[in-house]
C-alpha cells in the first residue's frame, strides 16, 4: 500500500449526495480546506486516480452533475498532477472580468 496526500474539490449540485461524500471524507480523516475542498492521506495500490474513482463511485451517488477534481503527486515523476475523476471543466465565473488587453488609449494617425 502506498500513502499519498490528495486534495479533493467537489461540486455535487443542489441535489447531490453530500451526506454520502461527507461520510466518506470523515472516514478518511479529511481536513476542510475551504468551500468544497478537502485534504487527506489516501492509501492505495496502483493508480491513485483509478482506485479513488472506484472507491468514491461505490461510496455515494454519482450523477451527471457531480464534479470531483483530485490533486496529487504522481509517484513516477514526483510532479503535482490534477484530474477530474467525475465531470469536467466549466466556464469560470470570473471570465470577462479582466481589463488586460482591452486597449483604452487611442492611437494617433499621422
PDB file of N, CA and C in Angstrom:
ATOM      1  N   UNK A   1       0.847  -1.191   0.000  1.00  0.00           N
ATOM      2  CA  UNK A   1       0.000   0.000   0.000  1.00  0.00           C
ATOM      3  C   UNK A   1       0.884   1.244   0.000  1.00  0.00           C
ATOM      4  N   UNK A   2       0.469   2.204  -0.791  1.00  0.00           N
ATOM      5  CA  UNK A   2       1.150   3.482  -0.864  1.00  0.00           C
ATOM      6  C   UNK A   2       0.254   4.540  -0.240  1.00  0.00           C
ATOM      7  N   UNK A   3       0.848   5.473   0.481  1.00  0.00           N
ATOM      8  CA  UNK A   3       0.093   6.596   1.043  1.00  0.00           C
ATOM      9  C   UNK A   3       0.413   7.847   0.241  1.00  0.00           C
ATOM     10  N   UNK A   4      -0.644   8.572  -0.137  1.00  0.00           N
ATOM     11  CA  UNK A   4      -0.491   9.822  -0.880  1.00  0.00           C
ATOM     12  C   UNK A   4      -1.351  10.891  -0.240  1.00  0.00           C
ATOM     13  N   UNK A   5      -0.828  12.101  -0.190  1.00  0.00           N
ATOM     14  CA  UNK A   5      -1.644  13.234   0.216  1.00  0.00           C
ATOM     15  C   UNK A   5      -2.387  13.710  -1.017  1.00  0.00           C
ATOM     16  N   UNK A   6      -3.715  13.820  -0.889  1.00  0.00           N
ATOM     17  CA  UNK A   6      -4.524  14.278  -2.018  1.00  0.00           C
ATOM     18  C   UNK A   6      -5.447  15.399  -1.566  1.00  0.00           C
ATOM     19  N   UNK A   7      -5.807  16.255  -2.501  1.00  0.00           N
ATOM     20  CA  UNK A   7      -6.794  17.301  -2.278  1.00  0.00           C
ATOM     21  C   UNK A   7      -7.969  16.979  -3.192  1.00  0.00           C
ATOM     22  N   UNK A   8      -9.184  17.051  -2.642  1.00  0.00           N
ATOM     23  CA  UNK A   8     -10.394  16.844  -3.421  1.00  0.00           C
ATOM     24  C   UNK A   8     -11.199  18.124  -3.449  1.00  0.00           C
ATOM     25  N   UNK A   9     -11.618  18.504  -4.626  1.00  0.00           N
ATOM     26  CA  UNK A   9     -12.562  19.596  -4.811  1.00  0.00           C
ATOM     27  C   UNK A   9     -13.830  18.959  -5.351  1.00  0.00           C
ATOM     28  N   UNK A  10     -14.960  19.232  -4.706  1.00  0.00           N
ATOM     29  CA  UNK A  10     -16.190  18.556  -5.102  1.00  0.00           C
ATOM     30  C   UNK A  10     -17.340  19.541  -5.276  1.00  0.00           C
ATOM     31  N   UNK A  11     -18.134  19.298  -6.305  1.00  0.00           N
ATOM     32  CA  UNK A  11     -19.350  20.051  -6.593  1.00  0.00           C
ATOM     33  C   UNK A  11     -20.381  19.004  -6.983  1.00  0.00           C
ATOM     34  N   UNK A  12     -21.346  18.777  -6.102  1.00  0.00           N
ATOM     35  CA  UNK A  12     -22.326  17.724  -6.323  1.00  0.00           C
ATOM     36  C   UNK A  12     -23.662  18.258  -6.824  1.00  0.00           C
ATOM     37  N   UNK A  13     -23.757  19.563  -7.024  1.00  0.00           N
ATOM     38  CA  UNK A  13     -25.017  20.150  -7.451  1.00  0.00           C
ATOM     39  C   UNK A  13     -25.955  20.330  -6.274  1.00  0.00           C
ATOM     40  N   UNK A  14     -27.106  20.893  -6.531  1.00  0.00           N
ATOM     41  CA  UNK A  14     -28.070  21.212  -5.472  1.00  0.00           C
ATOM     42  C   UNK A  14     -28.610  19.952  -4.792  1.00  0.00           C
ATOM     43  N   UNK A  15     -28.871  18.907  -5.569  1.00  0.00           N
ATOM     44  CA  UNK A  15     -29.472  17.698  -5.018  1.00  0.00           C
ATOM     45  C   UNK A  15     -28.450  16.576  -4.832  1.00  0.00           C
ATOM     46  N   UNK A  16     -27.176  16.914  -4.745  1.00  0.00           N
ATOM     47  CA  UNK A  16     -26.129  15.904  -4.637  1.00  0.00           C
ATOM     48  C   UNK A  16     -26.140  15.166  -3.306  1.00  0.00           C
ATOM     49  N   UNK A  17     -25.452  14.047  -3.279  1.00  0.00           N
ATOM     50  CA  UNK A  17     -25.365  13.189  -2.098  1.00  0.00           C
ATOM     51  C   UNK A  17     -24.256  13.693  -1.164  1.00  0.00           C
ATOM     52  N   UNK A  18     -24.493  14.855  -0.557  1.00  0.00           N
ATOM     53  CA  UNK A  18     -23.493  15.441   0.339  1.00  0.00           C
ATOM     54  C   UNK A  18     -23.292  14.588   1.580  1.00  0.00           C
ATOM     55  N   UNK A  19     -24.354  13.978   2.084  1.00  0.00           N
ATOM     56  CA  UNK A  19     -24.228  13.112   3.256  1.00  0.00           C
ATOM     57  C   UNK A  19     -23.282  11.951   2.947  1.00  0.00           C
ATOM     58  N   UNK A  20     -23.378  11.407   1.749  1.00  0.00           N
ATOM     59  CA  UNK A  20     -22.509  10.308   1.342  1.00  0.00           C
ATOM     60  C   UNK A  20     -21.048  10.712   1.246  1.00  0.00           C
ATOM     61  N   UNK A  21     -20.770  11.843   0.598  1.00  0.00           N
ATOM     62  CA  UNK A  21     -19.366  12.264   0.471  1.00  0.00           C
ATOM     63  C   UNK A  21     -18.815  12.712   1.820  1.00  0.00           C
ATOM     64  N   UNK A  22     -19.654  13.357   2.642  1.00  0.00           N
ATOM     65  CA  UNK A  22     -19.193  13.768   3.971  1.00  0.00           C
ATOM     66  C   UNK A  22     -18.847  12.549   4.820  1.00  0.00           C
ATOM     67  N   UNK A  23     -19.632  11.491   4.708  1.00  0.00           N
ATOM     68  CA  UNK A  23     -19.348  10.261   5.436  1.00  0.00           C
ATOM     69  C   UNK A  23     -18.015   9.668   4.975  1.00  0.00           C
ATOM     70  N   UNK A  24     -17.781   9.655   3.651  1.00  0.00           N
ATOM     71  CA  UNK A  24     -16.526   9.131   3.114  1.00  0.00           C
ATOM     72  C   UNK A  24     -15.340   9.978   3.568  1.00  0.00           C
ATOM     73  N   UNK A  25     -15.491  11.292   3.503  1.00  0.00           N
ATOM     74  CA  UNK A  25     -14.405  12.187   3.936  1.00  0.00           C
ATOM     75  C   UNK A  25     -14.106  12.015   5.424  1.00  0.00           C
ATOM     76  N   UNK A  26     -15.143  11.900   6.238  1.00  0.00           N
ATOM     77  CA  UNK A  26     -14.965  11.712   7.681  1.00  0.00           C
ATOM     78  C   UNK A  26     -14.256  10.393   7.975  1.00  0.00           C
ATOM     79  N   UNK A  27     -14.626   9.335   7.264  1.00  0.00           N
ATOM     80  CA  UNK A  27     -13.996   8.028   7.455  1.00  0.00           C
ATOM     81  C   UNK A  27     -12.513   8.048   7.089  1.00  0.00           C
ATOM     82  N   UNK A  28     -12.104   8.999   6.219  1.00  0.00           N
ATOM     83  CA  UNK A  28     -10.705   9.123   5.805  1.00  0.00           C
ATOM     84  C   UNK A  28      -9.978  10.253   6.542  1.00  0.00           C
ATOM     85  N   UNK A  29     -10.583  10.759   7.620  1.00  0.00           N
ATOM     86  CA  UNK A  29      -9.986  11.830   8.441  1.00  0.00           C
ATOM     87  C   UNK A  29      -9.567  13.036   7.611  1.00  0.00           C
ATOM     88  N   UNK A  30     -10.399  13.401   6.640  1.00  0.00           N
ATOM     89  CA  UNK A  30     -10.098  14.541   5.773  1.00  0.00           C
ATOM     90  C   UNK A  30     -10.186  15.841   6.566  1.00  0.00           C
ATOM     91  N   UNK A  31      -9.391  16.807   6.152  1.00  0.00           N
ATOM     92  CA  UNK A  31      -9.406  18.148   6.740  1.00  0.00           C
ATOM     93  C   UNK A  31     -10.041  19.110   5.755  1.00  0.00           C
ATOM     94  N   UNK A  32     -10.852  20.009   6.267  1.00  0.00           N
ATOM     95  CA  UNK A  32     -11.538  21.018   5.464  1.00  0.00           C
ATOM     96  C   UNK A  32     -10.538  22.070   4.993  1.00  0.00           C
ATOM     97  N   UNK A  33     -10.636  22.479   3.741  1.00  0.00           N
ATOM     98  CA  UNK A  33      -9.715  23.466   3.163  1.00  0.00           C
ATOM     99  C   UNK A  33     -10.474  24.583   2.450  1.00  0.00           C
ATOM    100  N   UNK A  34     -11.651  24.936   2.903  1.00  0.00           N
ATOM    101  CA  UNK A  34     -12.462  25.948   2.236  1.00  0.00           C
ATOM    102  C   UNK A  34     -13.707  25.298   1.660  1.00  0.00           C
ATOM    103  N   UNK A  35     -14.513  26.093   0.985  1.00  0.00           N
ATOM    104  CA  UNK A  35     -15.764  25.587   0.423  1.00  0.00           C
ATOM    105  C   UNK A  35     -15.515  24.425  -0.531  1.00  0.00           C
ATOM    106  N   UNK A  36     -16.017  23.269  -0.175  1.00  0.00           N
ATOM    107  CA  UNK A  36     -15.992  22.070  -1.026  1.00  0.00           C
ATOM    108  C   UNK A  36     -14.594  21.621  -1.418  1.00  0.00           C
ATOM    109  N   UNK A  37     -13.625  21.801  -0.518  1.00  0.00           N
ATOM    110  CA  UNK A  37     -12.260  21.332  -0.747  1.00  0.00           C
ATOM    111  C   UNK A  37     -11.787  20.637   0.524  1.00  0.00           C
ATOM    112  N   UNK A  38     -11.145  19.467   0.349  1.00  0.00           N
ATOM    113  CA  UNK A  38     -10.641  18.707   1.487  1.00  0.00           C
ATOM    114  C   UNK A  38      -9.270  18.136   1.152  1.00  0.00           C
ATOM    115  N   UNK A  39      -8.471  17.908   2.198  1.00  0.00           N
ATOM    116  CA  UNK A  39      -7.170  17.259   2.040  1.00  0.00           C
ATOM    117  C   UNK A  39      -7.164  16.032   2.949  1.00  0.00           C
ATOM    118  N   UNK A  40      -6.522  14.959   2.453  1.00  0.00           N
ATOM    119  CA  UNK A  40      -6.458  13.737   3.239  1.00  0.00           C
ATOM    120  C   UNK A  40      -5.291  12.883   2.792  1.00  0.00           C
ATOM    121  N   UNK A  41      -4.923  11.931   3.634  1.00  0.00           N
ATOM    122  CA  UNK A  41      -3.934  10.931   3.271  1.00  0.00           C
ATOM    123  C   UNK A  41      -4.698   9.730   2.764  1.00  0.00           C
ATOM    124  N   UNK A  42      -4.386   9.292   1.541  1.00  0.00           N
ATOM    125  CA  UNK A  42      -5.133   8.231   0.893  1.00  0.00           C
ATOM    126  C   UNK A  42      -4.215   7.044   0.633  1.00  0.00           C
ATOM    127  N   UNK A  43      -4.620   5.873   1.127  1.00  0.00           N
ATOM    128  CA  UNK A  43      -3.860   4.649   0.896  1.00  0.00           C
ATOM    129  C   UNK A  43      -4.388   3.956  -0.354  1.00  0.00           C
ATOM    130  N   UNK A  44      -3.478   3.557  -1.224  1.00  0.00           N
ATOM    131  CA  UNK A  44      -3.894   2.944  -2.488  1.00  0.00           C
ATOM    132  C   UNK A  44      -2.839   1.986  -2.993  1.00  0.00           C
ATOM    133  N   UNK A  45      -3.264   1.131  -3.910  1.00  0.00           N
ATOM    134  CA  UNK A  45      -2.343   0.253  -4.636  1.00  0.00           C
ATOM    135  C   UNK A  45      -2.518   0.601  -6.106  1.00  0.00           C
ATOM    136  N   UNK A  46      -1.437   0.864  -6.807  1.00  0.00           N
ATOM    137  CA  UNK A  46      -1.531   1.238  -8.214  1.00  0.00           C
ATOM    138  C   UNK A  46      -1.902   2.706  -8.358  1.00  0.00           C
ATOM    139  N   UNK A  47      -2.695   2.988  -9.371  1.00  0.00           N
ATOM    140  CA  UNK A  47      -3.063   4.363  -9.708  1.00  0.00           C
ATOM    141  C   UNK A  47      -3.972   4.978  -8.643  1.00  0.00           C
ATOM    142  N   UNK A  48      -3.553   6.100  -8.098  1.00  0.00           N
ATOM    143  CA  UNK A  48      -4.374   6.788  -7.100  1.00  0.00           C
ATOM    144  C   UNK A  48      -5.698   7.229  -7.713  1.00  0.00           C
ATOM    145  N   UNK A  49      -5.680   7.711  -8.945  1.00  0.00           N
ATOM    146  CA  UNK A  49      -6.893   8.204  -9.602  1.00  0.00           C
ATOM    147  C   UNK A  49      -7.875   7.059  -9.848  1.00  0.00           C
ATOM    148  N   UNK A  50      -7.402   5.951 -10.382  1.00  0.00           N
ATOM    149  CA  UNK A  50      -8.288   4.824 -10.683  1.00  0.00           C
ATOM    150  C   UNK A  50      -8.910   4.241  -9.419  1.00  0.00           C
ATOM    151  N   UNK A  51      -8.112   4.040  -8.391  1.00  0.00           N
ATOM    152  CA  UNK A  51      -8.640   3.465  -7.152  1.00  0.00           C
ATOM    153  C   UNK A  51      -9.609   4.429  -6.478  1.00  0.00           C
ATOM    154  N   UNK A  52      -9.258   5.712  -6.450  1.00  0.00           N
ATOM    155  CA  UNK A  52     -10.113   6.715  -5.831  1.00  0.00           C
ATOM    156  C   UNK A  52     -11.462   6.795  -6.550  1.00  0.00           C
ATOM    157  N   UNK A  53     -11.431   6.774  -7.867  1.00  0.00           N
ATOM    158  CA  UNK A  53     -12.669   6.837  -8.649  1.00  0.00           C
ATOM    159  C   UNK A  53     -13.581   5.665  -8.314  1.00  0.00           C
ATOM    160  N   UNK A  54     -13.033   4.470  -8.274  1.00  0.00           N
ATOM    161  CA  UNK A  54     -13.818   3.289  -7.943  1.00  0.00           C
ATOM    162  C   UNK A  54     -14.373   3.335  -6.537  1.00  0.00           C
ATOM    163  N   UNK A  55     -13.561   3.783  -5.599  1.00  0.00           N
ATOM    164  CA  UNK A  55     -13.992   3.849  -4.203  1.00  0.00           C
ATOM    165  C   UNK A  55     -15.097   4.883  -4.006  1.00  0.00           C
ATOM    166  N   UNK A  56     -14.945   6.048  -4.619  1.00  0.00           N
ATOM    167  CA  UNK A  56     -15.967   7.086  -4.489  1.00  0.00           C
ATOM    168  C   UNK A  56     -17.274   6.667  -5.162  1.00  0.00           C
ATOM    169  N   UNK A  57     -17.165   6.010  -6.298  1.00  0.00           N
ATOM    170  CA  UNK A  57     -18.361   5.548  -7.021  1.00  0.00           C
ATOM    171  C   UNK A  57     -19.169   4.577  -6.169  1.00  0.00           C
ATOM    172  N   UNK A  58     -18.487   3.763  -5.378  1.00  0.00           N
ATOM    173  CA  UNK A  58     -19.160   2.795  -4.514  1.00  0.00           C
ATOM    174  C   UNK A  58     -19.668   3.428  -3.216  1.00  0.00           C
ATOM    175  N   UNK A  59     -19.103   4.562  -2.822  1.00  0.00           N
ATOM    176  CA  UNK A  59     -19.407   5.152  -1.520  1.00  0.00           C
ATOM    177  C   UNK A  59     -20.652   6.035  -1.507  1.00  0.00           C
ATOM    178  N   UNK A  60     -20.956   6.675  -2.623  1.00  0.00           N
ATOM    179  CA  UNK A  60     -22.124   7.564  -2.646  1.00  0.00           C
ATOM    180  C   UNK A  60     -22.621   7.740  -4.075  1.00  0.00           C
ATOM    181  N   UNK A  61     -23.781   8.376  -4.195  1.00  0.00           N
ATOM    182  CA  UNK A  61     -24.422   8.519  -5.505  1.00  0.00           C
ATOM    183  C   UNK A  61     -23.702   9.554  -6.381  1.00  0.00           C
ATOM    184  N   UNK A  62     -23.306   9.119  -7.542  1.00  0.00           N
ATOM    185  CA  UNK A  62     -22.688   9.981  -8.545  1.00  0.00           C
ATOM    186  C   UNK A  62     -23.725  10.173  -9.648  1.00  0.00           C
ATOM    187  N   UNK A  63     -23.985  11.422 -10.048  1.00  0.00           N
ATOM    188  CA  UNK A  63     -24.898  11.652 -11.170  1.00  0.00           C
ATOM    189  C   UNK A  63     -24.223  12.556 -12.197  1.00  0.00           C
ATOM    190  N   UNK A  64     -24.966  12.965 -13.207  1.00  0.00           N
ATOM    191  CA  UNK A  64     -24.371  13.733 -14.309  1.00  0.00           C
ATOM    192  C   UNK A  64     -23.905  15.119 -13.880  1.00  0.00           C
ATOM    193  N   UNK A  65     -24.368  15.615 -12.749  1.00  0.00           N
ATOM    194  CA  UNK A  65     -23.946  16.932 -12.268  1.00  0.00           C
ATOM    195  C   UNK A  65     -22.740  16.876 -11.337  1.00  0.00           C
ATOM    196  N   UNK A  66     -22.354  15.680 -10.920  1.00  0.00           N
ATOM    197  CA  UNK A  66     -21.236  15.511  -9.981  1.00  0.00           C
ATOM    198  C   UNK A  66     -19.916  15.889 -10.642  1.00  0.00           C
ATOM    199  N   UNK A  67     -19.170  16.755  -9.964  1.00  0.00           N
ATOM    200  CA  UNK A  67     -17.822  17.110 -10.425  1.00  0.00           C
ATOM    201  C   UNK A  67     -16.869  16.940  -9.243  1.00  0.00           C
ATOM    202  N   UNK A  68     -15.870  16.093  -9.431  1.00  0.00           N
ATOM    203  CA  UNK A  68     -14.853  15.896  -8.398  1.00  0.00           C
ATOM    204  C   UNK A  68     -13.489  15.977  -9.077  1.00  0.00           C
ATOM    205  N   UNK A  69     -12.647  16.851  -8.531  1.00  0.00           N
ATOM    206  CA  UNK A  69     -11.297  17.078  -9.056  1.00  0.00           C
ATOM    207  C   UNK A  69     -10.310  16.667  -7.977  1.00  0.00           C
ATOM    208  N   UNK A  70      -9.297  15.920  -8.339  1.00  0.00           N
ATOM    209  CA  UNK A  70      -8.281  15.485  -7.380  1.00  0.00           C
ATOM    210  C   UNK A  70      -6.928  16.072  -7.775  1.00  0.00           C
ATOM    211  N   UNK A  71      -6.181  16.496  -6.774  1.00  0.00           N
ATOM    212  CA  UNK A  71      -4.801  16.968  -6.958  1.00  0.00           C
ATOM    213  C   UNK A  71      -3.921  16.029  -6.141  1.00  0.00           C
ATOM    214  N   UNK A  72      -2.866  15.518  -6.765  1.00  0.00           N
ATOM    215  CA  UNK A  72      -1.999  14.529  -6.129  1.00  0.00           C
ATOM    216  C   UNK A  72      -0.589  14.655  -6.693  1.00  0.00           C
ATOM    217  N   UNK A  73       0.356  14.016  -6.044  1.00  0.00           N
ATOM    218  CA  UNK A  73       1.726  13.974  -6.556  1.00  0.00           C
ATOM    219  C   UNK A  73       1.922  12.632  -7.247  1.00  0.00           C
ATOM    220  N   UNK A  74       2.255  12.692  -8.534  1.00  0.00           N
ATOM    221  CA  UNK A  74       2.486  11.475  -9.300  1.00  0.00           C
ATOM    222  C   UNK A  74       3.793  10.833  -8.842  1.00  0.00           C
ATOM    223  N   UNK A  75       3.697   9.580  -8.455  1.00  0.00           N
ATOM    224  CA  UNK A  75       4.849   8.891  -7.890  1.00  0.00           C
ATOM    225  C   UNK A  75       6.000   8.730  -8.883  1.00  0.00           C
ATOM    226  N   UNK A  76       5.698   8.414 -10.133  1.00  0.00           N
ATOM    227  CA  UNK A  76       6.729   8.144 -11.139  1.00  0.00           C
ATOM    228  C   UNK A  76       7.566   9.383 -11.460  1.00  0.00           C
ATOM    229  N   UNK A  77       6.917  10.564 -11.536  1.00  0.00           N
ATOM    230  CA  UNK A  77       7.624  11.780 -11.929  1.00  0.00           C
ATOM    231  C   UNK A  77       7.868  12.737 -10.764  1.00  0.00           C
ATOM    232  N   UNK A  78       7.224  12.478  -9.630  1.00  0.00           N
ATOM    233  CA  UNK A  78       7.291  13.339  -8.452  1.00  0.00           C
ATOM    234  C   UNK A  78       6.782  14.759  -8.750  1.00  0.00           C
ATOM    235  N   UNK A  79       5.839  14.859  -9.701  1.00  0.00           N
ATOM    236  CA  UNK A  79       5.238  16.149 -10.060  1.00  0.00           C
ATOM    237  C   UNK A  79       3.788  16.176  -9.614  1.00  0.00           C
ATOM    238  N   UNK A  80       3.312  17.364  -9.269  1.00  0.00           N
ATOM    239  CA  UNK A  80       1.913  17.528  -8.909  1.00  0.00           C
ATOM    240  C   UNK A  80       1.049  17.401 -10.155  1.00  0.00           C
ATOM    241  N   UNK A  81      -0.060  16.698 -10.018  1.00  0.00           N
ATOM    242  CA  UNK A  81      -0.989  16.476 -11.119  1.00  0.00           C
ATOM    243  C   UNK A  81      -2.397  16.761 -10.625  1.00  0.00           C
ATOM    244  N   UNK A  82      -3.284  17.033 -11.537  1.00  0.00           N
ATOM    245  CA  UNK A  82      -4.685  17.223 -11.211  1.00  0.00           C
ATOM    246  C   UNK A  82      -5.538  16.613 -12.300  1.00  0.00           C
ATOM    247  N   UNK A  83      -6.703  16.093 -11.912  1.00  0.00           N
ATOM    248  CA  UNK A  83      -7.586  15.469 -12.892  1.00  0.00           C
ATOM    249  C   UNK A  83      -9.015  15.462 -12.379  1.00  0.00           C
ATOM    250  N   UNK A  84      -9.950  15.637 -13.294  1.00  0.00           N
ATOM    251  CA  UNK A  84     -11.348  15.410 -12.957  1.00  0.00           C
ATOM    252  C   UNK A  84     -11.557  13.903 -12.938  1.00  0.00           C
ATOM    253  N   UNK A  85     -12.077  13.386 -11.847  1.00  0.00           N
ATOM    254  CA  UNK A  85     -12.404  11.965 -11.819  1.00  0.00           C
ATOM    255  C   UNK A  85     -13.887  11.756 -12.101  1.00  0.00           C
ATOM    256  N   UNK A  86     -14.683  12.801 -11.917  1.00  0.00           N
ATOM    257  CA  UNK A  86     -16.082  12.839 -12.347  1.00  0.00           C
ATOM    258  C   UNK A  86     -16.351  14.233 -12.878  1.00  0.00           C
ATOM    259  N   UNK A  87     -17.108  14.323 -13.957  1.00  0.00           N
ATOM    260  CA  UNK A  87     -17.448  15.622 -14.528  1.00  0.00           C
ATOM    261  C   UNK A  87     -16.302  16.227 -15.299  1.00  0.00           C
ATOM    262  N   UNK A  88     -16.371  17.532 -15.508  1.00  0.00           N
ATOM    263  CA  UNK A  88     -15.347  18.222 -16.278  1.00  0.00           C
ATOM    264  C   UNK A  88     -15.373  19.710 -16.021  1.00  0.00           C
ATOM    265  N   UNK A  89     -14.510  20.405 -16.725  1.00  0.00           N
ATOM    266  CA  UNK A  89     -14.348  21.844 -16.570  1.00  0.00           C
ATOM    267  C   UNK A  89     -15.551  22.598 -17.132  1.00  0.00           C
ATOM    268  N   UNK A  90     -15.895  23.697 -16.500  1.00  0.00           N
ATOM    269  CA  UNK A  90     -16.959  24.594 -16.976  1.00  0.00           C
ATOM    270  C   UNK A  90     -16.358  25.974 -17.188  1.00  0.00           C
ATOM    271  N   UNK A  91     -17.135  26.853 -17.789  1.00  0.00           N
ATOM    272  CA  UNK A  91     -16.677  28.233 -17.937  1.00  0.00           C
ATOM    273  C   UNK A  91     -16.518  28.838 -16.535  1.00  0.00           C
ATOM    274  N   UNK A  92     -15.420  29.510 -16.309  1.00  0.00           N
ATOM    275  CA  UNK A  92     -15.141  30.098 -14.997  1.00  0.00           C
ATOM    276  C   UNK A  92     -16.058  31.292 -14.738  1.00  0.00           C
ATOM    277  N   UNK A  93     -16.522  31.464 -13.495  1.00  0.00           N
ATOM    278  CA  UNK A  93     -17.403  32.595 -13.195  1.00  0.00           C
ATOM    279  C   UNK A  93     -16.709  33.946 -13.349  1.00  0.00           C
ATOM    280  N   UNK A  94     -15.389  33.960 -13.369  1.00  0.00           N
ATOM    281  CA  UNK A  94     -14.653  35.222 -13.495  1.00  0.00           C
ATOM    282  C   UNK A  94     -14.340  35.587 -14.942  1.00  0.00           C
ATOM    283  N   UNK A  95     -14.734  34.748 -15.891  1.00  0.00           N
ATOM    284  CA  UNK A  95     -14.485  35.029 -17.300  1.00  0.00           C
ATOM    285  C   UNK A  95     -15.116  36.361 -17.693  1.00  0.00           C
ATOM    286  N   UNK A  96     -14.309  37.235 -18.306  1.00  0.00           N
ATOM    287  CA  UNK A  96     -14.792  38.523 -18.783  1.00  0.00           C
ATOM    288  C   UNK A  96     -14.558  39.686 -17.830  1.00  0.00           C
ATOM    289  N   UNK A  97     -14.041  39.423 -16.633  1.00  0.00           N
ATOM    290  CA  UNK A  97     -13.824  40.491 -15.660  1.00  0.00           C
ATOM    291  C   UNK A  97     -12.517  41.253 -15.877  1.00  0.00           C
ATOM    292  N   UNK A  98     -11.541  40.668 -16.516  1.00  0.00           N
ATOM    293  CA  UNK A  98     -10.234  41.286 -16.681  1.00  0.00           C
ATOM    294  C   UNK A  98     -10.263  42.414 -17.710  1.00  0.00           C
ATOM    295  N   UNK A  99      -9.489  43.448 -17.440  1.00  0.00           N
ATOM    296  CA  UNK A  99      -9.356  44.537 -18.407  1.00  0.00           C
ATOM    297  C   UNK A  99      -8.024  44.447 -19.140  1.00  0.00           C
ATOM    298  N   UNK A 100      -7.248  43.403 -18.885  1.00  0.00           N
ATOM    299  CA  UNK A 100      -5.967  43.203 -19.551  1.00  0.00           C
ATOM    300  C   UNK A 100      -6.227  42.994 -21.034  1.00  0.00           C
ATOM    301  N   UNK A 101      -5.529  43.737 -21.850  1.00  0.00           N
ATOM    302  CA  UNK A 101      -5.666  43.614 -23.289  1.00  0.00           C
ATOM    303  C   UNK A 101      -6.831  44.408 -23.868  1.00  0.00           C
ATOM    304  N   UNK A 102      -7.567  45.083 -23.029  1.00  0.00           N
ATOM    305  CA  UNK A 102      -8.676  45.909 -23.517  1.00  0.00           C
ATOM    306  C   UNK A 102      -8.130  47.316 -23.724  1.00  0.00           C
ATOM    307  N   UNK A 103      -7.597  47.587 -24.895  1.00  0.00           N
ATOM    308  CA  UNK A 103      -6.965  48.870 -25.193  1.00  0.00           C
ATOM    309  C   UNK A 103      -7.841  50.049 -24.818  1.00  0.00           C
ATOM    310  N   UNK A 104      -7.288  50.954 -24.008  1.00  0.00           N
ATOM    311  CA  UNK A 104      -8.051  52.108 -23.565  1.00  0.00           C
ATOM    312  C   UNK A 104      -7.523  53.397 -24.163  1.00  0.00           C
ATOM    313  N   UNK A 105      -6.329  53.360 -24.768  1.00  0.00           N
ATOM    314  CA  UNK A 105      -5.757  54.569 -25.367  1.00  0.00           C
ATOM    315  C   UNK A 105      -6.012  54.558 -26.870  1.00  0.00           C
ATOM    316  N   UNK A 106      -6.323  55.732 -27.419  1.00  0.00           N
ATOM    317  CA  UNK A 106      -6.499  55.854 -28.859  1.00  0.00           C
ATOM    318  C   UNK A 106      -5.153  56.078 -29.511  1.00  0.00           C
ATOM    319  N   UNK A 107      -4.936  55.426 -30.641  1.00  0.00           N
ATOM    320  CA  UNK A 107      -3.705  55.641 -31.388  1.00  0.00           C
ATOM    321  C   UNK A 107      -3.890  56.839 -32.309  1.00  0.00           C
ATOM    322  N   UNK A 108      -2.881  57.713 -32.352  1.00  0.00           N
ATOM    323  CA  UNK A 108      -2.932  58.863 -33.271  1.00  0.00           C
ATOM    324  C   UNK A 108      -2.433  58.427 -34.628  1.00  0.00           C
ATOM    325  N   UNK A 109      -3.093  58.886 -35.644  1.00  0.00           N
ATOM    326  CA  UNK A 109      -2.675  58.621 -37.010  1.00  0.00           C
ATOM    327  C   UNK A 109      -1.990  59.865 -37.531  1.00  0.00           C
ATOM    328  N   UNK A 110      -0.767  59.756 -38.042  1.00  0.00           N
ATOM    329  CA  UNK A 110      -0.023  60.924 -38.512  1.00  0.00           C
ATOM    330  C   UNK A 110      -0.314  61.267 -39.933  1.00  0.00           C
TER     331      UNK A 110
END
